[in-house]
């Protein structure tokens, strides 16, 4: 949906890293909010699922989803 709206023409799959195709923080924060609302899961304000604090790397969609699931299960 974001790919179509922003007319990125990118191949977005689970191994895609949003930062590498031009999707930046403001859009990713909106995506996080929409996913949280759809799944009815509260995401902490200080959590950014598309970034790994330890390695300082952007995460793929798959890794961000796994991080999101872990946070949701832990109630964080």
PDB file of N, CA and C in Angstrom:
ATOM      1  N   UNK A   1       0.828  -1.193   0.000  1.00  0.00           N
ATOM      2  CA  UNK A   1       0.000   0.000   0.000  1.00  0.00           C
ATOM      3  C   UNK A   1       0.873   1.258   0.000  1.00  0.00           C
ATOM      4  N   UNK A   2       1.867   1.296   0.881  1.00  0.00           N
ATOM      5  CA  UNK A   2       2.785   2.449   0.940  1.00  0.00           C
ATOM      6  C   UNK A   2       3.557   2.577  -0.365  1.00  0.00           C
ATOM      7  N   UNK A   3       3.987   1.457  -0.906  1.00  0.00           N
ATOM      8  CA  UNK A   3       4.709   1.435  -2.174  1.00  0.00           C
ATOM      9  C   UNK A   3       3.879   2.105  -3.270  1.00  0.00           C
ATOM     10  N   UNK A   4       2.585   1.801  -3.308  1.00  0.00           N
ATOM     11  CA  UNK A   4       1.707   2.391  -4.315  1.00  0.00           C
ATOM     12  C   UNK A   4       1.482   3.881  -4.057  1.00  0.00           C
ATOM     13  N   UNK A   5       1.232   4.233  -2.803  1.00  0.00           N
ATOM     14  CA  UNK A   5       0.960   5.640  -2.465  1.00  0.00           C
ATOM     15  C   UNK A   5       2.159   6.525  -2.783  1.00  0.00           C
ATOM     16  N   UNK A   6       3.353   6.059  -2.406  1.00  0.00           N
ATOM     17  CA  UNK A   6       4.566   6.856  -2.636  1.00  0.00           C
ATOM     18  C   UNK A   6       5.155   6.671  -4.030  1.00  0.00           C
ATOM     19  N   UNK A   7       4.551   5.772  -4.803  1.00  0.00           N
ATOM     20  CA  UNK A   7       5.015   5.487  -6.171  1.00  0.00           C
ATOM     21  C   UNK A   7       6.513   5.160  -6.209  1.00  0.00           C
ATOM     22  N   UNK A   8       6.916   4.275  -5.285  1.00  0.00           N
ATOM     23  CA  UNK A   8       8.322   3.900  -5.197  1.00  0.00           C
ATOM     24  C   UNK A   8       8.735   2.922  -6.290  1.00  0.00           C
ATOM     25  N   UNK A   9       7.812   2.093  -6.717  1.00  0.00           N
ATOM     26  CA  UNK A   9       8.135   1.082  -7.717  1.00  0.00           C
ATOM     27  C   UNK A   9       9.121   0.051  -7.197  1.00  0.00           C
ATOM     28  N   UNK A  10       9.151  -0.115  -5.901  1.00  0.00           N
ATOM     29  CA  UNK A  10      10.111  -1.028  -5.271  1.00  0.00           C
ATOM     30  C   UNK A  10       9.521  -2.424  -5.103  1.00  0.00           C
ATOM     31  N   UNK A  11      10.403  -3.403  -5.078  1.00  0.00           N
ATOM     32  CA  UNK A  11      10.005  -4.771  -4.777  1.00  0.00           C
ATOM     33  C   UNK A  11      10.056  -4.931  -3.267  1.00  0.00           C
ATOM     34  N   UNK A  12       8.888  -4.904  -2.639  1.00  0.00           N
ATOM     35  CA  UNK A  12       8.836  -4.988  -1.187  1.00  0.00           C
ATOM     36  C   UNK A  12       8.420  -6.389  -0.788  1.00  0.00           C
ATOM     37  N   UNK A  13       9.330  -7.061  -0.096  1.00  0.00           N
ATOM     38  CA  UNK A  13       9.039  -8.381   0.444  1.00  0.00           C
ATOM     39  C   UNK A  13       9.623  -8.464   1.847  1.00  0.00           C
ATOM     40  N   UNK A  14       9.599  -9.623   2.450  1.00  0.00           N
ATOM     41  CA  UNK A  14      10.041  -9.760   3.837  1.00  0.00           C
ATOM     42  C   UNK A  14      11.522  -9.460   4.032  1.00  0.00           C
ATOM     43  N   UNK A  15      12.315  -9.583   2.989  1.00  0.00           N
ATOM     44  CA  UNK A  15      13.749  -9.330   3.101  1.00  0.00           C
ATOM     45  C   UNK A  15      14.133  -7.900   2.749  1.00  0.00           C
ATOM     46  N   UNK A  16      13.146  -7.098   2.441  1.00  0.00           N
ATOM     47  CA  UNK A  16      13.371  -5.701   2.084  1.00  0.00           C
ATOM     48  C   UNK A  16      13.707  -4.882   3.331  1.00  0.00           C
ATOM     49  N   UNK A  17      14.647  -4.000   3.187  1.00  0.00           N
ATOM     50  CA  UNK A  17      14.980  -3.057   4.245  1.00  0.00           C
ATOM     51  C   UNK A  17      14.394  -1.704   3.824  1.00  0.00           C
ATOM     52  N   UNK A  18      13.349  -1.235   4.515  1.00  0.00           N
ATOM     53  CA  UNK A  18      12.657  -0.017   4.079  1.00  0.00           C
ATOM     54  C   UNK A  18      13.576   1.177   3.830  1.00  0.00           C
ATOM     55  N   UNK A  19      14.597   1.336   4.643  1.00  0.00           N
ATOM     56  CA  UNK A  19      15.504   2.468   4.483  1.00  0.00           C
ATOM     57  C   UNK A  19      16.211   2.427   3.126  1.00  0.00           C
ATOM     58  N   UNK A  20      16.517   1.242   2.646  1.00  0.00           N
ATOM     59  CA  UNK A  20      17.247   1.115   1.382  1.00  0.00           C
ATOM     60  C   UNK A  20      16.402   1.429   0.156  1.00  0.00           C
ATOM     61  N   UNK A  21      15.075   1.423   0.311  1.00  0.00           N
ATOM     62  CA  UNK A  21      14.218   1.769  -0.826  1.00  0.00           C
ATOM     63  C   UNK A  21      13.601   3.154  -0.670  1.00  0.00           C
ATOM     64  N   UNK A  22      14.070   3.898   0.320  1.00  0.00           N
ATOM     65  CA  UNK A  22      13.649   5.285   0.461  1.00  0.00           C
ATOM     66  C   UNK A  22      12.507   5.546   1.419  1.00  0.00           C
ATOM     67  N   UNK A  23      12.088   4.532   2.183  1.00  0.00           N
ATOM     68  CA  UNK A  23      11.033   4.761   3.177  1.00  0.00           C
ATOM     69  C   UNK A  23      11.715   5.168   4.468  1.00  0.00           C
ATOM     70  N   UNK A  24      11.461   6.377   4.916  1.00  0.00           N
ATOM     71  CA  UNK A  24      12.135   6.953   6.079  1.00  0.00           C
ATOM     72  C   UNK A  24      11.268   6.933   7.333  1.00  0.00           C
ATOM     73  N   UNK A  25      11.847   7.359   8.417  1.00  0.00           N
ATOM     74  CA  UNK A  25      11.231   7.289   9.741  1.00  0.00           C
ATOM     75  C   UNK A  25       9.789   7.788   9.829  1.00  0.00           C
ATOM     76  N   UNK A  26       9.441   8.966   9.309  1.00  0.00           N
ATOM     77  CA  UNK A  26       8.055   9.411   9.469  1.00  0.00           C
ATOM     78  C   UNK A  26       7.039   8.420   8.890  1.00  0.00           C
ATOM     79  N   UNK A  27       7.352   7.849   7.747  1.00  0.00           N
ATOM     80  CA  UNK A  27       6.453   6.870   7.130  1.00  0.00           C
ATOM     81  C   UNK A  27       6.458   5.577   7.943  1.00  0.00           C
ATOM     82  N   UNK A  28       7.620   5.155   8.399  1.00  0.00           N
ATOM     83  CA  UNK A  28       7.712   3.919   9.177  1.00  0.00           C
ATOM     84  C   UNK A  28       6.977   4.038  10.505  1.00  0.00           C
ATOM     85  N   UNK A  29       7.002   5.206  11.100  1.00  0.00           N
ATOM     86  CA  UNK A  29       6.259   5.421  12.347  1.00  0.00           C
ATOM     87  C   UNK A  29       4.758   5.306  12.076  1.00  0.00           C
ATOM     88  N   UNK A  30       4.317   5.826  10.953  1.00  0.00           N
ATOM     89  CA  UNK A  30       2.910   5.695  10.566  1.00  0.00           C
ATOM     90  C   UNK A  30       2.554   4.224  10.349  1.00  0.00           C
ATOM     91  N   UNK A  31       3.445   3.482   9.697  1.00  0.00           N
ATOM     92  CA  UNK A  31       3.215   2.049   9.474  1.00  0.00           C
ATOM     93  C   UNK A  31       3.117   1.327  10.812  1.00  0.00           C
ATOM     94  N   UNK A  32       4.010   1.631  11.739  1.00  0.00           N
ATOM     95  CA  UNK A  32       3.981   1.001  13.058  1.00  0.00           C
ATOM     96  C   UNK A  32       2.651   1.278  13.756  1.00  0.00           C
ATOM     97  N   UNK A  33       2.169   2.495  13.681  1.00  0.00           N
ATOM     98  CA  UNK A  33       0.905   2.859  14.322  1.00  0.00           C
ATOM     99  C   UNK A  33      -0.262   2.099  13.693  1.00  0.00           C
ATOM    100  N   UNK A  34      -0.243   1.964  12.381  1.00  0.00           N
ATOM    101  CA  UNK A  34      -1.323   1.237  11.702  1.00  0.00           C
ATOM    102  C   UNK A  34      -1.299  -0.236  12.065  1.00  0.00           C
ATOM    103  N   UNK A  35      -0.116  -0.842  12.088  1.00  0.00           N
ATOM    104  CA  UNK A  35      -0.008  -2.251  12.465  1.00  0.00           C
ATOM    105  C   UNK A  35      -0.471  -2.443  13.903  1.00  0.00           C
ATOM    106  N   UNK A  36      -0.051  -1.560  14.791  1.00  0.00           N
ATOM    107  CA  UNK A  36      -0.475  -1.633  16.198  1.00  0.00           C
ATOM    108  C   UNK A  36      -1.991  -1.567  16.320  1.00  0.00           C
ATOM    109  N   UNK A  37      -2.603  -0.656  15.580  1.00  0.00           N
ATOM    110  CA  UNK A  37      -4.057  -0.500  15.641  1.00  0.00           C
ATOM    111  C   UNK A  37      -4.771  -1.726  15.074  1.00  0.00           C
ATOM    112  N   UNK A  38      -4.294  -2.218  13.948  1.00  0.00           N
ATOM    113  CA  UNK A  38      -4.920  -3.393  13.322  1.00  0.00           C
ATOM    114  C   UNK A  38      -4.837  -4.606  14.238  1.00  0.00           C
ATOM    115  N   UNK A  39      -3.690  -4.794  14.884  1.00  0.00           N
ATOM    116  CA  UNK A  39      -3.494  -5.954  15.754  1.00  0.00           C
ATOM    117  C   UNK A  39      -3.976  -5.700  17.181  1.00  0.00           C
ATOM    118  N   UNK A  40      -4.385  -4.476  17.461  1.00  0.00           N
ATOM    119  CA  UNK A  40      -4.825  -4.076  18.800  1.00  0.00           C
ATOM    120  C   UNK A  40      -3.747  -4.358  19.844  1.00  0.00           C
ATOM    121  N   UNK A  41      -2.529  -3.930  19.521  1.00  0.00           N
ATOM    122  CA  UNK A  41      -1.370  -4.092  20.400  1.00  0.00           C
ATOM    123  C   UNK A  41      -0.778  -2.707  20.636  1.00  0.00           C
ATOM    124  N   UNK A  42      -0.523  -2.375  21.891  1.00  0.00           N
ATOM    125  CA  UNK A  42       0.093  -1.083  22.197  1.00  0.00           C
ATOM    126  C   UNK A  42       1.596  -1.154  21.993  1.00  0.00           C
ATOM    127  N   UNK A  43       2.105  -0.217  21.227  1.00  0.00           N
ATOM    128  CA  UNK A  43       3.542  -0.117  20.991  1.00  0.00           C
ATOM    129  C   UNK A  43       4.060   1.020  21.855  1.00  0.00           C
ATOM    130  N   UNK A  44       5.094   0.754  22.659  1.00  0.00           N
ATOM    131  CA  UNK A  44       5.651   1.830  23.490  1.00  0.00           C
ATOM    132  C   UNK A  44       6.122   3.008  22.632  1.00  0.00           C
ATOM    133  N   UNK A  45       5.972   4.209  23.161  1.00  0.00           N
ATOM    134  CA  UNK A  45       6.364   5.405  22.420  1.00  0.00           C
ATOM    135  C   UNK A  45       7.845   5.422  22.057  1.00  0.00           C
ATOM    136  N   UNK A  46       8.678   4.831  22.889  1.00  0.00           N
ATOM    137  CA  UNK A  46      10.122   4.867  22.651  1.00  0.00           C
ATOM    138  C   UNK A  46      10.626   3.696  21.819  1.00  0.00           C
ATOM    139  N   UNK A  47       9.724   2.918  21.235  1.00  0.00           N
ATOM    140  CA  UNK A  47      10.121   1.747  20.454  1.00  0.00           C
ATOM    141  C   UNK A  47      10.048   2.054  18.969  1.00  0.00           C
ATOM    142  N   UNK A  48      11.116   1.718  18.289  1.00  0.00           N
ATOM    143  CA  UNK A  48      11.188   1.868  16.838  1.00  0.00           C
ATOM    144  C   UNK A  48      11.592   0.515  16.286  1.00  0.00           C
ATOM    145  N   UNK A  49      10.623  -0.248  15.773  1.00  0.00           N
ATOM    146  CA  UNK A  49      10.881  -1.646  15.416  1.00  0.00           C
ATOM    147  C   UNK A  49      11.762  -1.831  14.189  1.00  0.00           C
ATOM    148  N   UNK A  50      11.981  -0.798  13.408  1.00  0.00           N
ATOM    149  CA  UNK A  50      12.768  -0.945  12.187  1.00  0.00           C
ATOM    150  C   UNK A  50      14.258  -0.664  12.400  1.00  0.00           C
ATOM    151  N   UNK A  51      14.693  -0.582  13.645  1.00  0.00           N
ATOM    152  CA  UNK A  51      16.090  -0.282  13.935  1.00  0.00           C
ATOM    153  C   UNK A  51      16.577  -1.169  15.073  1.00  0.00           C
ATOM    154  N   UNK A  52      17.796  -1.667  14.945  1.00  0.00           N
ATOM    155  CA  UNK A  52      18.408  -2.459  16.003  1.00  0.00           C
ATOM    156  C   UNK A  52      19.376  -1.568  16.773  1.00  0.00           C
ATOM    157  N   UNK A  53      19.071  -1.334  18.036  1.00  0.00           N
ATOM    158  CA  UNK A  53      19.894  -0.436  18.852  1.00  0.00           C
ATOM    159  C   UNK A  53      21.317  -0.962  19.040  1.00  0.00           C
ATOM    160  N   UNK A  54      21.462  -2.281  19.149  1.00  0.00           N
ATOM    161  CA  UNK A  54      22.783  -2.854  19.392  1.00  0.00           C
ATOM    162  C   UNK A  54      23.717  -2.712  18.197  1.00  0.00           C
ATOM    163  N   UNK A  55      23.218  -3.035  17.003  1.00  0.00           N
ATOM    164  CA  UNK A  55      24.068  -2.977  15.811  1.00  0.00           C
ATOM    165  C   UNK A  55      23.971  -1.650  15.075  1.00  0.00           C
ATOM    166  N   UNK A  56      22.973  -0.833  15.446  1.00  0.00           N
ATOM    167  CA  UNK A  56      22.715   0.456  14.786  1.00  0.00           C
ATOM    168  C   UNK A  56      22.361   0.277  13.312  1.00  0.00           C
ATOM    169  N   UNK A  57      21.771  -0.871  12.980  1.00  0.00           N
ATOM    170  CA  UNK A  57      21.372  -1.162  11.602  1.00  0.00           C
ATOM    171  C   UNK A  57      19.861  -1.085  11.454  1.00  0.00           C
ATOM    172  N   UNK A  58      19.434  -0.756  10.240  1.00  0.00           N
ATOM    173  CA  UNK A  58      18.022  -0.841   9.915  1.00  0.00           C
ATOM    174  C   UNK A  58      17.671  -2.314   9.737  1.00  0.00           C
ATOM    175  N   UNK A  59      16.463  -2.694  10.135  1.00  0.00           N
ATOM    176  CA  UNK A  59      16.031  -4.083  10.049  1.00  0.00           C
ATOM    177  C   UNK A  59      15.190  -4.320   8.801  1.00  0.00           C
ATOM    178  N   UNK A  60      15.222  -5.558   8.330  1.00  0.00           N
ATOM    179  CA  UNK A  60      14.341  -5.941   7.234  1.00  0.00           C
ATOM    180  C   UNK A  60      12.911  -5.994   7.757  1.00  0.00           C
ATOM    181  N   UNK A  61      11.971  -6.081   6.869  1.00  0.00           N
ATOM    182  CA  UNK A  61      10.573  -6.183   7.274  1.00  0.00           C
ATOM    183  C   UNK A  61      10.369  -7.433   8.122  1.00  0.00           C
ATOM    184  N   UNK A  62      10.992  -8.542   7.733  1.00  0.00           N
ATOM    185  CA  UNK A  62      10.873  -9.785   8.500  1.00  0.00           C
ATOM    186  C   UNK A  62      11.417  -9.596   9.914  1.00  0.00           C
ATOM    187  N   UNK A  63      12.616  -9.033  10.039  1.00  0.00           N
ATOM    188  CA  UNK A  63      13.217  -8.844  11.364  1.00  0.00           C
ATOM    189  C   UNK A  63      12.431  -7.849  12.211  1.00  0.00           C
ATOM    190  N   UNK A  64      11.882  -6.822  11.573  1.00  0.00           N
ATOM    191  CA  UNK A  64      11.053  -5.859  12.302  1.00  0.00           C
ATOM    192  C   UNK A  64       9.778  -6.531  12.805  1.00  0.00           C
ATOM    193  N   UNK A  65       9.198  -7.404  11.986  1.00  0.00           N
ATOM    194  CA  UNK A  65       7.999  -8.133  12.412  1.00  0.00           C
ATOM    195  C   UNK A  65       8.309  -9.050  13.587  1.00  0.00           C
ATOM    196  N   UNK A  66       9.445  -9.726  13.534  1.00  0.00           N
ATOM    197  CA  UNK A  66       9.834 -10.600  14.647  1.00  0.00           C
ATOM    198  C   UNK A  66      10.053  -9.796  15.923  1.00  0.00           C
ATOM    199  N   UNK A  67      10.664  -8.618  15.783  1.00  0.00           N
ATOM    200  CA  UNK A  67      10.864  -7.738  16.931  1.00  0.00           C
ATOM    201  C   UNK A  67       9.525  -7.278  17.482  1.00  0.00           C
ATOM    202  N   UNK A  68       8.607  -6.929  16.601  1.00  0.00           N
ATOM    203  CA  UNK A  68       7.275  -6.492  17.007  1.00  0.00           C
ATOM    204  C   UNK A  68       6.553  -7.599  17.767  1.00  0.00           C
ATOM    205  N   UNK A  69       6.614  -8.828  17.264  1.00  0.00           N
ATOM    206  CA  UNK A  69       5.966  -9.968  17.922  1.00  0.00           C
ATOM    207  C   UNK A  69       6.567 -10.195  19.314  1.00  0.00           C
ATOM    208  N   UNK A  70       7.873 -10.117  19.411  1.00  0.00           N
ATOM    209  CA  UNK A  70       8.542 -10.307  20.690  1.00  0.00           C
ATOM    210  C   UNK A  70       8.091  -9.240  21.695  1.00  0.00           C
ATOM    211  N   UNK A  71       8.038  -7.994  21.265  1.00  0.00           N
ATOM    212  CA  UNK A  71       7.610  -6.912  22.138  1.00  0.00           C
ATOM    213  C   UNK A  71       6.151  -7.092  22.557  1.00  0.00           C
ATOM    214  N   UNK A  72       5.303  -7.514  21.618  1.00  0.00           N
ATOM    215  CA  UNK A  72       3.895  -7.698  21.924  1.00  0.00           C
ATOM    216  C   UNK A  72       3.706  -8.832  22.945  1.00  0.00           C
ATOM    217  N   UNK A  73       4.453  -9.904  22.786  1.00  0.00           N
ATOM    218  CA  UNK A  73       4.343 -11.033  23.711  1.00  0.00           C
ATOM    219  C   UNK A  73       4.811 -10.662  25.103  1.00  0.00           C
ATOM    220  N   UNK A  74       5.823  -9.806  25.178  1.00  0.00           N
ATOM    221  CA  UNK A  74       6.362  -9.387  26.464  1.00  0.00           C
ATOM    222  C   UNK A  74       5.578  -8.237  27.084  1.00  0.00           C
ATOM    223  N   UNK A  75       4.614  -7.723  26.342  1.00  0.00           N
ATOM    224  CA  UNK A  75       3.809  -6.612  26.846  1.00  0.00           C
ATOM    225  C   UNK A  75       4.558  -5.309  26.905  1.00  0.00           C
ATOM    226  N   UNK A  76       5.605  -5.180  26.097  1.00  0.00           N
ATOM    227  CA  UNK A  76       6.404  -3.947  26.083  1.00  0.00           C
ATOM    228  C   UNK A  76       5.987  -3.037  24.968  1.00  0.00           C
TER     229      UNK A  76
END
